[in-house]
Amino acid sequence: MLELPGLPELTPVSLTGLRLAPRLPLTQNLLGDNLSMSGSREQEVLEYMAAMKNAFAQTKAMNNFNSKRAKAKDRAMQRAAER
């Protein structure tokens, strides 16, 4: 079996030796105090939410219809196979 050479001891490192990146300025003052939505933006968000609700409802209805249609076809094929 080969012997491994001895490793040198590690010297302890303190946290003061680390160079930290400078902090970025706070963006709160850059954005301004008025962060609430304006009337037109709020209306746009409400319209988008309503459109998404309708799209999900249509998708759910179509999936429900397709599953019922598939079950009906399966029942019809089962009846035809049993004859």
PDB file of N, CA and C in Angstrom:
ATOM      1  N   MET A   1       0.841  -1.173   0.000  1.00  0.00           N
ATOM      2  CA  MET A   1       0.000   0.000   0.000  1.00  0.00           C
ATOM      3  C   MET A   1       0.889   1.239   0.000  1.00  0.00           C
ATOM      4  N   LEU A   2       0.535   2.198  -0.823  1.00  0.00           N
ATOM      5  CA  LEU A   2       1.317   3.432  -0.916  1.00  0.00           C
ATOM      6  C   LEU A   2       0.970   4.368   0.234  1.00  0.00           C
ATOM      7  N   GLU A   3       1.964   5.047   0.721  1.00  0.00           N
ATOM      8  CA  GLU A   3       1.717   6.015   1.789  1.00  0.00           C
ATOM      9  C   GLU A   3       1.508   7.389   1.172  1.00  0.00           C
ATOM     10  N   LEU A   4       0.533   8.089   1.691  1.00  0.00           N
ATOM     11  CA  LEU A   4       0.248   9.436   1.211  1.00  0.00           C
ATOM     12  C   LEU A   4       1.150  10.428   1.930  1.00  0.00           C
ATOM     13  N   PRO A   5       1.604  11.452   1.188  1.00  0.00           N
ATOM     14  CA  PRO A   5       2.427  12.454   1.858  1.00  0.00           C
ATOM     15  C   PRO A   5       1.586  13.258   2.838  1.00  0.00           C
ATOM     16  N   GLY A   6       2.204  13.780   3.869  1.00  0.00           N
ATOM     17  CA  GLY A   6       1.485  14.564   4.862  1.00  0.00           C
ATOM     18  C   GLY A   6       1.014  15.885   4.291  1.00  0.00           C
ATOM     19  N   LEU A   7      -0.159  16.286   4.671  1.00  0.00           N
ATOM     20  CA  LEU A   7      -0.712  17.560   4.207  1.00  0.00           C
ATOM     21  C   LEU A   7      -0.317  18.672   5.169  1.00  0.00           C
ATOM     22  N   PRO A   8      -0.068  19.865   4.620  1.00  0.00           N
ATOM     23  CA  PRO A   8       0.265  20.971   5.523  1.00  0.00           C
ATOM     24  C   PRO A   8      -0.961  21.393   6.323  1.00  0.00           C
ATOM     25  N   GLU A   9      -0.737  21.904   7.497  1.00  0.00           N
ATOM     26  CA  GLU A   9      -1.855  22.346   8.332  1.00  0.00           C
ATOM     27  C   GLU A   9      -2.470  23.610   7.744  1.00  0.00           C
ATOM     28  N   LEU A  10      -3.790  23.699   7.872  1.00  0.00           N
ATOM     29  CA  LEU A  10      -4.494  24.882   7.385  1.00  0.00           C
ATOM     30  C   LEU A  10      -4.394  25.986   8.415  1.00  0.00           C
ATOM     31  N   THR A  11      -4.198  27.193   7.908  1.00  0.00           N
ATOM     32  CA  THR A  11      -4.151  28.336   8.811  1.00  0.00           C
ATOM     33  C   THR A  11      -5.566  28.861   8.995  1.00  0.00           C
ATOM     34  N   PRO A  12      -5.946  29.248  10.199  1.00  0.00           N
ATOM     35  CA  PRO A  12      -7.298  29.768  10.404  1.00  0.00           C
ATOM     36  C   PRO A  12      -7.489  31.101   9.676  1.00  0.00           C
ATOM     37  N   VAL A  13      -8.686  31.265   9.139  1.00  0.00           N
ATOM     38  CA  VAL A  13      -9.023  32.479   8.391  1.00  0.00           C
ATOM     39  C   VAL A  13     -10.115  33.204   9.154  1.00  0.00           C
ATOM     40  N   SER A  14      -9.934  34.480   9.353  1.00  0.00           N
ATOM     41  CA  SER A  14     -10.960  35.256  10.044  1.00  0.00           C
ATOM     42  C   SER A  14     -11.894  35.894   9.030  1.00  0.00           C
ATOM     43  N   LEU A  15     -13.042  36.297   9.493  1.00  0.00           N
ATOM     44  CA  LEU A  15     -14.026  36.918   8.605  1.00  0.00           C
ATOM     45  C   LEU A  15     -13.619  38.313   8.185  1.00  0.00           C
ATOM     46  N   THR A  16     -12.738  38.929   8.897  1.00  0.00           N
ATOM     47  CA  THR A  16     -12.330  40.291   8.538  1.00  0.00           C
ATOM     48  C   THR A  16     -11.484  40.284   7.276  1.00  0.00           C
ATOM     49  N   GLY A  17     -10.933  39.142   6.914  1.00  0.00           N
ATOM     50  CA  GLY A  17     -10.119  39.071   5.720  1.00  0.00           C
ATOM     51  C   GLY A  17     -10.943  38.979   4.444  1.00  0.00           C
ATOM     52  N   LEU A  18     -12.225  38.709   4.560  1.00  0.00           N
ATOM     53  CA  LEU A  18     -13.075  38.605   3.375  1.00  0.00           C
ATOM     54  C   LEU A  18     -13.424  39.980   2.847  1.00  0.00           C
ATOM     55  N   ARG A  19     -13.453  40.078   1.541  1.00  0.00           N
ATOM     56  CA  ARG A  19     -13.866  41.336   0.918  1.00  0.00           C
ATOM     57  C   ARG A  19     -15.313  41.154   0.444  1.00  0.00           C
ATOM     58  N   LEU A  20     -16.198  41.876   1.061  1.00  0.00           N
ATOM     59  CA  LEU A  20     -17.607  41.768   0.714  1.00  0.00           C
ATOM     60  C   LEU A  20     -17.944  42.789  -0.354  1.00  0.00           C
ATOM     61  N   ALA A  21     -18.880  42.445  -1.217  1.00  0.00           N
ATOM     62  CA  ALA A  21     -19.314  43.368  -2.260  1.00  0.00           C
ATOM     63  C   ALA A  21     -20.032  44.540  -1.613  1.00  0.00           C
ATOM     64  N   PRO A  22     -19.895  45.723  -2.192  1.00  0.00           N
ATOM     65  CA  PRO A  22     -20.590  46.872  -1.605  1.00  0.00           C
ATOM     66  C   PRO A  22     -22.096  46.708  -1.730  1.00  0.00           C
ATOM     67  N   ARG A  23     -22.812  47.211  -0.756  1.00  0.00           N
ATOM     68  CA  ARG A  23     -24.267  47.090  -0.761  1.00  0.00           C
ATOM     69  C   ARG A  23     -24.865  48.007  -1.803  1.00  0.00           C
ATOM     70  N   LEU A  24     -25.932  47.544  -2.416  1.00  0.00           N
ATOM     71  CA  LEU A  24     -26.642  48.359  -3.387  1.00  0.00           C
ATOM     72  C   LEU A  24     -27.523  49.354  -2.658  1.00  0.00           C
ATOM     73  N   PRO A  25     -27.748  50.518  -3.253  1.00  0.00           N
ATOM     74  CA  PRO A  25     -28.609  51.491  -2.589  1.00  0.00           C
ATOM     75  C   PRO A  25     -30.041  50.992  -2.525  1.00  0.00           C
ATOM     76  N   LEU A  26     -30.761  51.417  -1.520  1.00  0.00           N
ATOM     77  CA  LEU A  26     -32.155  51.029  -1.387  1.00  0.00           C
ATOM     78  C   LEU A  26     -32.962  51.665  -2.506  1.00  0.00           C
ATOM     79  N   THR A  27     -33.836  50.884  -3.116  1.00  0.00           N
ATOM     80  CA  THR A  27     -34.608  51.382  -4.253  1.00  0.00           C
ATOM     81  C   THR A  27     -35.935  51.986  -3.829  1.00  0.00           C
ATOM     82  N   GLN A  28     -36.204  51.998  -2.557  1.00  0.00           N
ATOM     83  CA  GLN A  28     -37.486  52.509  -2.095  1.00  0.00           C
ATOM     84  C   GLN A  28     -37.649  53.984  -2.464  1.00  0.00           C
ATOM     85  N   ASN A  29     -36.602  54.753  -2.319  1.00  0.00           N
ATOM     86  CA  ASN A  29     -36.691  56.173  -2.638  1.00  0.00           C
ATOM     87  C   ASN A  29     -36.722  56.404  -4.135  1.00  0.00           C
ATOM     88  N   LEU A  30     -36.127  55.507  -4.915  1.00  0.00           N
ATOM     89  CA  LEU A  30     -36.105  55.683  -6.357  1.00  0.00           C
ATOM     90  C   LEU A  30     -37.470  55.450  -6.975  1.00  0.00           C
ATOM     91  N   LEU A  31     -38.249  54.546  -6.393  1.00  0.00           N
ATOM     92  CA  LEU A  31     -39.558  54.235  -6.951  1.00  0.00           C
ATOM     93  C   LEU A  31     -40.608  55.275  -6.599  1.00  0.00           C
ATOM     94  N   GLY A  32     -40.395  55.996  -5.550  1.00  0.00           N
ATOM     95  CA  GLY A  32     -41.376  56.981  -5.126  1.00  0.00           C
ATOM     96  C   GLY A  32     -42.290  56.400  -4.074  1.00  0.00           C
ATOM     97  N   ASP A  33     -43.057  57.250  -3.463  1.00  0.00           N
ATOM     98  CA  ASP A  33     -43.936  56.801  -2.388  1.00  0.00           C
ATOM     99  C   ASP A  33     -45.230  56.189  -2.903  1.00  0.00           C
ATOM    100  N   ASN A  34     -45.653  56.568  -4.095  1.00  0.00           N
ATOM    101  CA  ASN A  34     -46.933  56.099  -4.613  1.00  0.00           C
ATOM    102  C   ASN A  34     -46.731  54.780  -5.347  1.00  0.00           C
ATOM    103  N   LEU A  35     -46.854  53.662  -4.632  1.00  0.00           N
ATOM    104  CA  LEU A  35     -46.693  52.352  -5.244  1.00  0.00           C
ATOM    105  C   LEU A  35     -48.034  51.685  -5.534  1.00  0.00           C
ATOM    106  N   SER A  36     -49.130  52.328  -5.166  1.00  0.00           N
ATOM    107  CA  SER A  36     -50.433  51.742  -5.440  1.00  0.00           C
ATOM    108  C   SER A  36     -50.746  51.875  -6.919  1.00  0.00           C
ATOM    109  N   MET A  37     -51.657  51.015  -7.380  1.00  0.00           N
ATOM    110  CA  MET A  37     -51.984  51.020  -8.797  1.00  0.00           C
ATOM    111  C   MET A  37     -52.869  52.217  -9.129  1.00  0.00           C
ATOM    112  N   SER A  38     -52.615  52.783 -10.280  1.00  0.00           N
ATOM    113  CA  SER A  38     -53.470  53.866 -10.743  1.00  0.00           C
ATOM    114  C   SER A  38     -54.766  53.266 -11.263  1.00  0.00           C
ATOM    115  N   GLY A  39     -55.721  54.115 -11.578  1.00  0.00           N
ATOM    116  CA  GLY A  39     -57.025  53.643 -12.025  1.00  0.00           C
ATOM    117  C   GLY A  39     -56.952  52.825 -13.293  1.00  0.00           C
ATOM    118  N   SER A  40     -56.165  53.265 -14.278  1.00  0.00           N
ATOM    119  CA  SER A  40     -56.093  52.541 -15.546  1.00  0.00           C
ATOM    120  C   SER A  40     -55.358  51.216 -15.373  1.00  0.00           C
ATOM    121  N   ARG A  41     -54.317  51.211 -14.567  1.00  0.00           N
ATOM    122  CA  ARG A  41     -53.575  49.969 -14.331  1.00  0.00           C
ATOM    123  C   ARG A  41     -54.442  48.967 -13.572  1.00  0.00           C
ATOM    124  N   GLU A  42     -55.168  49.458 -12.601  1.00  0.00           N
ATOM    125  CA  GLU A  42     -56.055  48.580 -11.837  1.00  0.00           C
ATOM    126  C   GLU A  42     -57.135  47.997 -12.739  1.00  0.00           C
ATOM    127  N   GLN A  43     -57.678  48.808 -13.623  1.00  0.00           N
ATOM    128  CA  GLN A  43     -58.701  48.328 -14.552  1.00  0.00           C
ATOM    129  C   GLN A  43     -58.121  47.279 -15.495  1.00  0.00           C
ATOM    130  N   GLU A  44     -56.888  47.494 -15.943  1.00  0.00           N
ATOM    131  CA  GLU A  44     -56.231  46.532 -16.821  1.00  0.00           C
ATOM    132  C   GLU A  44     -56.027  45.194 -16.110  1.00  0.00           C
ATOM    133  N   VAL A  45     -55.623  45.249 -14.850  1.00  0.00           N
ATOM    134  CA  VAL A  45     -55.421  44.021 -14.074  1.00  0.00           C
ATOM    135  C   VAL A  45     -56.743  43.297 -13.870  1.00  0.00           C
ATOM    136  N   LEU A  46     -57.798  44.029 -13.563  1.00  0.00           N
ATOM    137  CA  LEU A  46     -59.111  43.413 -13.370  1.00  0.00           C
ATOM    138  C   LEU A  46     -59.618  42.756 -14.652  1.00  0.00           C
ATOM    139  N   GLU A  47     -59.403  43.403 -15.797  1.00  0.00           N
ATOM    140  CA  GLU A  47     -59.815  42.823 -17.076  1.00  0.00           C
ATOM    141  C   GLU A  47     -59.019  41.554 -17.374  1.00  0.00           C
ATOM    142  N   TYR A  48     -57.722  41.588 -17.075  1.00  0.00           N
ATOM    143  CA  TYR A  48     -56.879  40.414 -17.295  1.00  0.00           C
ATOM    144  C   TYR A  48     -57.328  39.263 -16.409  1.00  0.00           C
ATOM    145  N   MET A  49     -57.640  39.558 -15.155  1.00  0.00           N
ATOM    146  CA  MET A  49     -58.102  38.524 -14.239  1.00  0.00           C
ATOM    147  C   MET A  49     -59.419  37.928 -14.715  1.00  0.00           C
ATOM    148  N   ALA A  50     -60.328  38.758 -15.205  1.00  0.00           N
ATOM    149  CA  ALA A  50     -61.609  38.264 -15.710  1.00  0.00           C
ATOM    150  C   ALA A  50     -61.399  37.385 -16.946  1.00  0.00           C
ATOM    151  N   ALA A  51     -60.475  37.791 -17.820  1.00  0.00           N
ATOM    152  CA  ALA A  51     -60.189  36.999 -19.016  1.00  0.00           C
ATOM    153  C   ALA A  51     -59.592  35.643 -18.637  1.00  0.00           C
ATOM    154  N   MET A  52     -58.705  35.634 -17.653  1.00  0.00           N
ATOM    155  CA  MET A  52     -58.106  34.373 -17.208  1.00  0.00           C
ATOM    156  C   MET A  52     -59.166  33.466 -16.580  1.00  0.00           C
ATOM    157  N   LYS A  53     -60.087  34.055 -15.813  1.00  0.00           N
ATOM    158  CA  LYS A  53     -61.160  33.277 -15.196  1.00  0.00           C
ATOM    159  C   LYS A  53     -62.027  32.630 -16.271  1.00  0.00           C
ATOM    160  N   ASN A  54     -62.357  33.397 -17.312  1.00  0.00           N
ATOM    161  CA  ASN A  54     -63.171  32.851 -18.402  1.00  0.00           C
ATOM    162  C   ASN A  54     -62.422  31.756 -19.151  1.00  0.00           C
ATOM    163  N   ALA A  55     -61.132  31.954 -19.379  1.00  0.00           N
ATOM    164  CA  ALA A  55     -60.341  30.954 -20.098  1.00  0.00           C
ATOM    165  C   ALA A  55     -60.277  29.652 -19.305  1.00  0.00           C
ATOM    166  N   PHE A  56     -60.049  29.751 -17.991  1.00  0.00           N
ATOM    167  CA  PHE A  56     -60.007  28.541 -17.167  1.00  0.00           C
ATOM    168  C   PHE A  56     -61.364  27.858 -17.131  1.00  0.00           C
ATOM    169  N   ALA A  57     -62.451  28.639 -17.077  1.00  0.00           N
ATOM    170  CA  ALA A  57     -63.790  28.051 -17.067  1.00  0.00           C
ATOM    171  C   ALA A  57     -64.070  27.325 -18.375  1.00  0.00           C
ATOM    172  N   GLN A  58     -63.666  27.915 -19.495  1.00  0.00           N
ATOM    173  CA  GLN A  58     -63.862  27.267 -20.786  1.00  0.00           C
ATOM    174  C   GLN A  58     -63.063  25.973 -20.880  1.00  0.00           C
ATOM    175  N   THR A  59     -61.816  26.019 -20.400  1.00  0.00           N
ATOM    176  CA  THR A  59     -60.981  24.825 -20.439  1.00  0.00           C
ATOM    177  C   THR A  59     -61.572  23.719 -19.584  1.00  0.00           C
ATOM    178  N   LYS A  60     -62.034  24.081 -18.386  1.00  0.00           N
ATOM    179  CA  LYS A  60     -62.626  23.089 -17.491  1.00  0.00           C
ATOM    180  C   LYS A  60     -63.884  22.489 -18.115  1.00  0.00           C
ATOM    181  N   ALA A  61     -64.733  23.316 -18.728  1.00  0.00           N
ATOM    182  CA  ALA A  61     -65.957  22.827 -19.364  1.00  0.00           C
ATOM    183  C   ALA A  61     -65.629  21.911 -20.539  1.00  0.00           C
ATOM    184  N   MET A  62     -64.618  22.279 -21.324  1.00  0.00           N
ATOM    185  CA  MET A  62     -64.244  21.454 -22.473  1.00  0.00           C
ATOM    186  C   MET A  62     -63.665  20.117 -22.015  1.00  0.00           C
ATOM    187  N   ASN A  63     -62.856  20.127 -20.974  1.00  0.00           N
ATOM    188  CA  ASN A  63     -62.304  18.871 -20.445  1.00  0.00           C
ATOM    189  C   ASN A  63     -63.410  17.981 -19.895  1.00  0.00           C
ATOM    190  N   ASN A  64     -64.383  18.577 -19.214  1.00  0.00           N
ATOM    191  CA  ASN A  64     -65.514  17.822 -18.684  1.00  0.00           C
ATOM    192  C   ASN A  64     -66.328  17.200 -19.820  1.00  0.00           C
ATOM    193  N   PHE A  65     -66.586  17.995 -20.863  1.00  0.00           N
ATOM    194  CA  PHE A  65     -67.332  17.503 -22.019  1.00  0.00           C
ATOM    195  C   PHE A  65     -66.593  16.359 -22.697  1.00  0.00           C
ATOM    196  N   ASN A  66     -65.282  16.522 -22.884  1.00  0.00           N
ATOM    197  CA  ASN A  66     -64.498  15.480 -23.557  1.00  0.00           C
ATOM    198  C   ASN A  66     -64.445  14.186 -22.738  1.00  0.00           C
ATOM    199  N   SER A  67     -64.351  14.315 -21.419  1.00  0.00           N
ATOM    200  CA  SER A  67     -64.319  13.091 -20.604  1.00  0.00           C
ATOM    201  C   SER A  67     -65.664  12.374 -20.650  1.00  0.00           C
ATOM    202  N   LYS A  68     -66.768  13.112 -20.603  1.00  0.00           N
ATOM    203  CA  LYS A  68     -68.086  12.483 -20.704  1.00  0.00           C
ATOM    204  C   LYS A  68     -68.288  11.852 -22.068  1.00  0.00           C
ATOM    205  N   ARG A  69     -67.792  12.503 -23.115  1.00  0.00           N
ATOM    206  CA  ARG A  69     -67.909  11.961 -24.472  1.00  0.00           C
ATOM    207  C   ARG A  69     -67.108  10.671 -24.598  1.00  0.00           C
ATOM    208  N   ALA A  70     -65.895  10.663 -24.021  1.00  0.00           N
ATOM    209  CA  ALA A  70     -65.058   9.459 -24.087  1.00  0.00           C
ATOM    210  C   ALA A  70     -65.710   8.308 -23.335  1.00  0.00           C
ATOM    211  N   LYS A  71     -66.302   8.589 -22.177  1.00  0.00           N
ATOM    212  CA  LYS A  71     -66.984   7.539 -21.420  1.00  0.00           C
ATOM    213  C   LYS A  71     -68.172   6.987 -22.205  1.00  0.00           C
ATOM    214  N   ALA A  72     -68.914   7.876 -22.868  1.00  0.00           N
ATOM    215  CA  ALA A  72     -70.061   7.424 -23.659  1.00  0.00           C
ATOM    216  C   ALA A  72     -69.596   6.549 -24.816  1.00  0.00           C
ATOM    217  N   LYS A  73     -68.500   6.922 -25.483  1.00  0.00           N
ATOM    218  CA  LYS A  73     -67.970   6.105 -26.572  1.00  0.00           C
ATOM    219  C   LYS A  73     -67.516   4.747 -26.054  1.00  0.00           C
ATOM    220  N   ASP A  74     -66.879   4.734 -24.880  1.00  0.00           N
ATOM    221  CA  ASP A  74     -66.443   3.464 -24.304  1.00  0.00           C
ATOM    222  C   ASP A  74     -67.628   2.554 -23.993  1.00  0.00           C
ATOM    223  N   ARG A  75     -68.687   3.128 -23.443  1.00  0.00           N
ATOM    224  CA  ARG A  75     -69.878   2.334 -23.146  1.00  0.00           C
ATOM    225  C   ARG A  75     -70.489   1.782 -24.428  1.00  0.00           C
ATOM    226  N   ALA A  76     -70.517   2.612 -25.486  1.00  0.00           N
ATOM    227  CA  ALA A  76     -71.089   2.154 -26.752  1.00  0.00           C
ATOM    228  C   ALA A  76     -70.238   1.034 -27.343  1.00  0.00           C
ATOM    229  N   MET A  77     -68.922   1.171 -27.271  1.00  0.00           N
ATOM    230  CA  MET A  77     -68.048   0.107 -27.787  1.00  0.00           C
ATOM    231  C   MET A  77     -68.169  -1.167 -26.954  1.00  0.00           C
ATOM    232  N   GLN A  78     -68.377  -1.026 -25.641  1.00  0.00           N
ATOM    233  CA  GLN A  78     -68.548  -2.193 -24.776  1.00  0.00           C
ATOM    234  C   GLN A  78     -69.840  -2.928 -25.126  1.00  0.00           C
ATOM    235  N   ARG A  79     -70.920  -2.142 -25.362  1.00  0.00           N
ATOM    236  CA  ARG A  79     -72.191  -2.776 -25.748  1.00  0.00           C
ATOM    237  C   ARG A  79     -72.060  -3.508 -27.091  1.00  0.00           C
ATOM    238  N   ALA A  80     -71.337  -2.891 -28.034  1.00  0.00           N
ATOM    239  CA  ALA A  80     -71.156  -3.532 -29.336  1.00  0.00           C
ATOM    240  C   ALA A  80     -70.296  -4.777 -29.221  1.00  0.00           C
ATOM    241  N   ALA A  81     -69.328  -4.774 -28.312  1.00  0.00           N
ATOM    242  CA  ALA A  81     -68.452  -5.947 -28.154  1.00  0.00           C
ATOM    243  C   ALA A  81     -69.179  -7.098 -27.473  1.00  0.00           C
ATOM    244  N   GLU A  82     -70.152  -6.798 -26.636  1.00  0.00           N
ATOM    245  CA  GLU A  82     -70.866  -7.836 -25.908  1.00  0.00           C
ATOM    246  C   GLU A  82     -71.910  -8.532 -26.783  1.00  0.00           C
ATOM    247  N   ARG A  83     -72.279  -8.012 -27.909  1.00  0.00           N
ATOM    248  CA  ARG A  83     -73.290  -8.615 -28.772  1.00  0.00           C
ATOM    249  C   ARG A  83     -72.753  -9.740 -29.564  1.00  0.00           C
TER     250      ARG A  83
END
